[in-house]
């Protein structure tokens, strides 16, 4: 599985609810997963022409340039930290 994040997988952020990429990473780790982290860099709000190849891939698969996005081992794509956390809670890693 691959977790696409911006620049970080830490939860530190100026907002009280943490950074979305870090929140998604933590939810996956707490569910027993060890995702390969892929850094998308750039900013999701930039025009498509200015996006990195990784962000272009995320948009092609999810319809959005924003991360976090999760690509499961089965090829399913999940976009958004809340959606990734919900998926992780419903699909804990096998022991």
N, C-alpha and C. Protein backbone atom coordinates (compact mmCIF):
# COMPACT_ATOMS: atom_id res chain seq x y z
N UNK A 1 0.84 -1.17 0.00
CA UNK A 1 0.00 0.00 0.00
C UNK A 1 0.88 1.23 0.00
N UNK A 2 0.37 2.29 -0.63
CA UNK A 2 1.10 3.55 -0.71
C UNK A 2 0.23 4.67 -0.16
N UNK A 3 0.82 5.49 0.69
CA UNK A 3 0.16 6.68 1.20
C UNK A 3 0.84 7.89 0.59
N UNK A 4 0.09 8.65 -0.18
CA UNK A 4 0.60 9.85 -0.82
C UNK A 4 0.35 11.03 0.12
N UNK A 5 1.42 11.74 0.47
CA UNK A 5 1.34 12.87 1.39
C UNK A 5 2.02 14.08 0.74
N UNK A 6 1.82 15.25 1.35
CA UNK A 6 2.42 16.47 0.80
C UNK A 6 3.93 16.49 1.07
N UNK A 7 4.31 17.06 2.18
CA UNK A 7 5.72 17.17 2.55
C UNK A 7 6.04 16.41 3.83
N UNK A 8 5.03 16.00 4.54
CA UNK A 8 5.26 15.43 5.87
C UNK A 8 4.25 14.35 6.19
N UNK A 9 4.62 13.51 7.11
CA UNK A 9 3.66 12.54 7.65
C UNK A 9 3.47 12.78 9.15
N UNK A 10 4.03 13.89 9.64
CA UNK A 10 3.87 14.23 11.04
C UNK A 10 2.49 14.83 11.28
N UNK A 11 2.04 14.78 12.51
CA UNK A 11 0.74 15.34 12.86
C UNK A 11 0.83 16.80 13.28
N UNK A 12 2.03 17.34 13.38
CA UNK A 12 2.20 18.70 13.86
C UNK A 12 1.64 19.68 12.83
N UNK A 13 0.85 20.61 13.30
CA UNK A 13 0.27 21.64 12.44
C UNK A 13 -0.19 22.78 13.33
N UNK A 14 -0.39 23.92 12.74
CA UNK A 14 -0.89 25.05 13.51
C UNK A 14 -2.35 24.85 13.90
N UNK A 15 -3.06 24.03 13.16
CA UNK A 15 -4.45 23.74 13.49
C UNK A 15 -4.51 22.72 14.62
N UNK A 16 -5.53 22.83 15.44
CA UNK A 16 -5.62 21.94 16.61
C UNK A 16 -5.90 20.49 16.25
N UNK A 17 -6.45 20.25 15.06
CA UNK A 17 -6.79 18.87 14.70
C UNK A 17 -5.66 18.15 13.98
N UNK A 18 -4.50 18.75 13.87
CA UNK A 18 -3.35 18.10 13.26
C UNK A 18 -3.33 18.23 11.75
N UNK A 19 -2.25 17.79 11.18
CA UNK A 19 -2.07 17.85 9.73
C UNK A 19 -2.77 16.66 9.08
N UNK A 20 -3.53 16.86 8.02
CA UNK A 20 -4.28 15.75 7.41
C UNK A 20 -3.38 14.57 6.99
N UNK A 21 -2.21 14.87 6.44
CA UNK A 21 -1.33 13.77 6.02
C UNK A 21 -0.84 12.96 7.21
N UNK A 22 -0.49 13.67 8.29
CA UNK A 22 -0.08 12.99 9.52
C UNK A 22 -1.20 12.21 10.16
N UNK A 23 -2.41 12.76 10.10
CA UNK A 23 -3.56 12.06 10.67
C UNK A 23 -3.82 10.74 9.93
N UNK A 24 -3.72 10.78 8.60
CA UNK A 24 -3.93 9.57 7.80
C UNK A 24 -2.84 8.54 8.09
N UNK A 25 -1.59 9.00 8.17
CA UNK A 25 -0.46 8.10 8.45
C UNK A 25 -0.64 7.44 9.81
N UNK A 26 -0.99 8.23 10.82
CA UNK A 26 -1.16 7.69 12.16
C UNK A 26 -2.30 6.68 12.20
N UNK A 27 -3.40 6.96 11.53
CA UNK A 27 -4.53 6.03 11.52
C UNK A 27 -4.13 4.70 10.90
N UNK A 28 -3.36 4.75 9.83
CA UNK A 28 -2.91 3.50 9.19
C UNK A 28 -1.96 2.73 10.11
N UNK A 29 -1.02 3.44 10.75
CA UNK A 29 -0.08 2.77 11.65
C UNK A 29 -0.82 2.16 12.84
N UNK A 30 -1.80 2.88 13.39
CA UNK A 30 -2.55 2.35 14.53
C UNK A 30 -3.37 1.13 14.15
N UNK A 31 -3.72 1.01 12.88
CA UNK A 31 -4.46 -0.16 12.40
C UNK A 31 -3.52 -1.30 12.00
N UNK A 32 -2.22 -1.11 12.24
CA UNK A 32 -1.25 -2.16 11.97
C UNK A 32 -0.66 -2.16 10.57
N UNK A 33 -0.93 -1.14 9.79
CA UNK A 33 -0.39 -1.06 8.43
C UNK A 33 0.97 -0.36 8.44
N UNK A 34 1.77 -0.65 7.45
CA UNK A 34 3.06 0.01 7.28
C UNK A 34 3.14 0.51 5.83
N UNK A 35 2.45 1.61 5.54
CA UNK A 35 2.38 2.07 4.16
C UNK A 35 3.70 2.62 3.66
N UNK A 36 3.94 2.45 2.37
CA UNK A 36 5.06 3.14 1.74
C UNK A 36 4.61 4.58 1.56
N UNK A 37 5.40 5.52 2.05
CA UNK A 37 5.03 6.93 1.98
C UNK A 37 5.63 7.53 0.71
N UNK A 38 4.77 8.16 -0.09
CA UNK A 38 5.19 8.81 -1.33
C UNK A 38 4.92 10.30 -1.16
N UNK A 39 5.97 11.10 -1.28
CA UNK A 39 5.83 12.54 -1.10
C UNK A 39 5.42 13.20 -2.42
N UNK A 40 4.31 13.93 -2.38
CA UNK A 40 3.79 14.57 -3.59
C UNK A 40 4.40 15.96 -3.81
N UNK A 41 4.88 16.58 -2.75
CA UNK A 41 5.43 17.93 -2.81
C UNK A 41 4.42 18.89 -3.45
N UNK A 42 4.83 20.04 -3.82
CA UNK A 42 4.02 21.11 -4.41
C UNK A 42 2.78 21.40 -3.57
N UNK A 43 1.79 22.02 -4.16
CA UNK A 43 0.57 22.43 -3.46
C UNK A 43 -0.62 22.04 -4.31
N UNK A 44 -1.59 21.40 -3.71
CA UNK A 44 -2.73 20.87 -4.45
C UNK A 44 -3.57 21.93 -5.14
N UNK A 45 -3.49 23.17 -4.70
CA UNK A 45 -4.28 24.24 -5.30
C UNK A 45 -3.68 24.86 -6.54
N UNK A 46 -2.49 24.43 -6.92
CA UNK A 46 -1.86 24.97 -8.12
C UNK A 46 -2.56 24.45 -9.37
N UNK A 47 -2.46 25.18 -10.48
CA UNK A 47 -3.02 24.68 -11.74
C UNK A 47 -2.36 23.35 -12.12
N UNK A 48 -3.09 22.51 -12.83
CA UNK A 48 -2.59 21.18 -13.21
C UNK A 48 -1.24 21.25 -13.91
N UNK A 49 -1.03 22.26 -14.73
CA UNK A 49 0.22 22.40 -15.48
C UNK A 49 1.43 22.50 -14.56
N UNK A 50 1.23 23.04 -13.37
CA UNK A 50 2.33 23.24 -12.43
C UNK A 50 2.46 22.12 -11.40
N UNK A 51 1.62 21.13 -11.46
CA UNK A 51 1.65 20.04 -10.47
C UNK A 51 2.80 19.08 -10.75
N UNK A 52 3.28 18.45 -9.68
CA UNK A 52 4.30 17.42 -9.81
C UNK A 52 3.67 16.17 -10.43
N UNK A 53 4.49 15.29 -11.01
CA UNK A 53 3.94 14.05 -11.57
C UNK A 53 3.16 13.23 -10.53
N UNK A 54 3.60 13.26 -9.28
CA UNK A 54 2.90 12.51 -8.24
C UNK A 54 1.51 13.08 -8.01
N UNK A 55 1.40 14.37 -7.94
CA UNK A 55 0.08 14.99 -7.75
C UNK A 55 -0.80 14.76 -8.97
N UNK A 56 -0.22 14.75 -10.15
CA UNK A 56 -1.00 14.46 -11.36
C UNK A 56 -1.54 13.04 -11.31
N UNK A 57 -0.75 12.10 -10.81
CA UNK A 57 -1.20 10.72 -10.65
C UNK A 57 -2.36 10.66 -9.66
N UNK A 58 -2.21 11.33 -8.53
CA UNK A 58 -3.27 11.35 -7.52
C UNK A 58 -4.55 11.90 -8.13
N UNK A 59 -4.46 12.98 -8.90
CA UNK A 59 -5.66 13.55 -9.51
C UNK A 59 -6.28 12.59 -10.52
N UNK A 60 -5.43 11.91 -11.30
CA UNK A 60 -5.95 10.96 -12.29
C UNK A 60 -6.71 9.82 -11.60
N UNK A 61 -6.28 9.43 -10.42
CA UNK A 61 -6.89 8.30 -9.73
C UNK A 61 -8.05 8.68 -8.81
N UNK A 62 -8.01 9.93 -8.27
CA UNK A 62 -9.02 10.32 -7.29
C UNK A 62 -9.91 11.47 -7.77
N UNK A 63 -9.49 12.15 -8.81
CA UNK A 63 -10.22 13.31 -9.28
C UNK A 63 -9.83 14.60 -8.58
N UNK A 64 -8.89 14.51 -7.65
CA UNK A 64 -8.43 15.67 -6.88
C UNK A 64 -6.91 15.69 -6.81
N UNK A 65 -6.34 16.88 -6.79
CA UNK A 65 -4.88 17.01 -6.64
C UNK A 65 -4.45 16.98 -5.18
N UNK A 66 -5.41 16.99 -4.28
CA UNK A 66 -5.09 17.08 -2.85
C UNK A 66 -4.71 15.73 -2.27
N UNK A 67 -3.80 15.75 -1.32
CA UNK A 67 -3.41 14.58 -0.57
C UNK A 67 -3.77 14.86 0.89
N UNK A 68 -3.90 13.84 1.73
CA UNK A 68 -3.44 12.48 1.53
C UNK A 68 -4.38 11.67 0.64
N UNK A 69 -3.76 10.68 0.02
CA UNK A 69 -4.49 9.69 -0.77
C UNK A 69 -3.84 8.34 -0.53
N UNK A 70 -4.66 7.33 -0.48
CA UNK A 70 -4.17 5.98 -0.22
C UNK A 70 -4.44 5.09 -1.42
N UNK A 71 -3.41 4.37 -1.84
CA UNK A 71 -3.57 3.34 -2.87
C UNK A 71 -3.38 2.00 -2.16
N UNK A 72 -4.45 1.21 -2.08
CA UNK A 72 -4.36 -0.07 -1.38
C UNK A 72 -3.64 -1.10 -2.25
N UNK A 73 -3.28 -2.20 -1.64
CA UNK A 73 -2.62 -3.28 -2.38
C UNK A 73 -3.54 -3.86 -3.45
N UNK A 74 -4.84 -3.68 -3.29
CA UNK A 74 -5.81 -4.19 -4.25
C UNK A 74 -6.07 -3.19 -5.38
N UNK A 75 -5.43 -2.01 -5.33
CA UNK A 75 -5.60 -1.01 -6.37
C UNK A 75 -6.71 -0.01 -6.13
N UNK A 76 -7.32 -0.06 -4.95
CA UNK A 76 -8.37 0.90 -4.59
C UNK A 76 -7.71 2.21 -4.17
N UNK A 77 -8.30 3.32 -4.54
CA UNK A 77 -7.81 4.64 -4.14
C UNK A 77 -8.81 5.29 -3.18
N UNK A 78 -8.27 5.86 -2.09
CA UNK A 78 -9.09 6.53 -1.09
C UNK A 78 -8.48 7.91 -0.88
N UNK A 79 -9.31 8.93 -0.94
CA UNK A 79 -8.83 10.31 -0.84
C UNK A 79 -9.37 10.97 0.41
N UNK A 80 -8.49 11.67 1.12
CA UNK A 80 -8.89 12.41 2.31
C UNK A 80 -8.52 11.72 3.60
N UNK A 81 -8.08 12.49 4.58
CA UNK A 81 -7.62 11.89 5.84
C UNK A 81 -8.74 11.19 6.60
N UNK A 82 -9.92 11.79 6.62
CA UNK A 82 -11.05 11.15 7.32
C UNK A 82 -11.45 9.84 6.68
N UNK A 83 -11.47 9.83 5.35
CA UNK A 83 -11.83 8.62 4.62
C UNK A 83 -10.77 7.53 4.80
N UNK A 84 -9.51 7.94 4.81
CA UNK A 84 -8.42 6.97 5.02
C UNK A 84 -8.48 6.41 6.43
N UNK A 85 -8.72 7.27 7.41
CA UNK A 85 -8.84 6.80 8.80
C UNK A 85 -10.00 5.84 8.95
N UNK A 86 -11.13 6.14 8.31
CA UNK A 86 -12.29 5.24 8.38
C UNK A 86 -11.96 3.90 7.73
N UNK A 87 -11.29 3.94 6.58
CA UNK A 87 -10.90 2.70 5.89
C UNK A 87 -9.98 1.88 6.79
N UNK A 88 -8.99 2.54 7.41
CA UNK A 88 -8.04 1.84 8.27
C UNK A 88 -8.76 1.17 9.44
N UNK A 89 -9.74 1.85 10.02
CA UNK A 89 -10.50 1.28 11.11
C UNK A 89 -11.31 0.05 10.71
N UNK A 90 -11.77 0.06 9.47
CA UNK A 90 -12.55 -1.07 8.96
C UNK A 90 -11.70 -2.20 8.38
N UNK A 91 -10.41 -1.91 8.13
CA UNK A 91 -9.53 -2.90 7.50
C UNK A 91 -8.20 -2.98 8.27
N UNK A 92 -8.24 -3.44 9.51
CA UNK A 92 -6.96 -3.57 10.25
C UNK A 92 -6.06 -4.59 9.57
N UNK A 93 -4.77 -4.39 9.73
CA UNK A 93 -3.80 -5.31 9.13
C UNK A 93 -3.92 -6.69 9.78
N UNK A 94 -3.70 -7.69 8.98
CA UNK A 94 -3.73 -9.06 9.50
C UNK A 94 -2.57 -9.25 10.47
N UNK A 95 -2.81 -10.01 11.50
CA UNK A 95 -1.78 -10.24 12.52
C UNK A 95 -0.63 -11.04 11.99
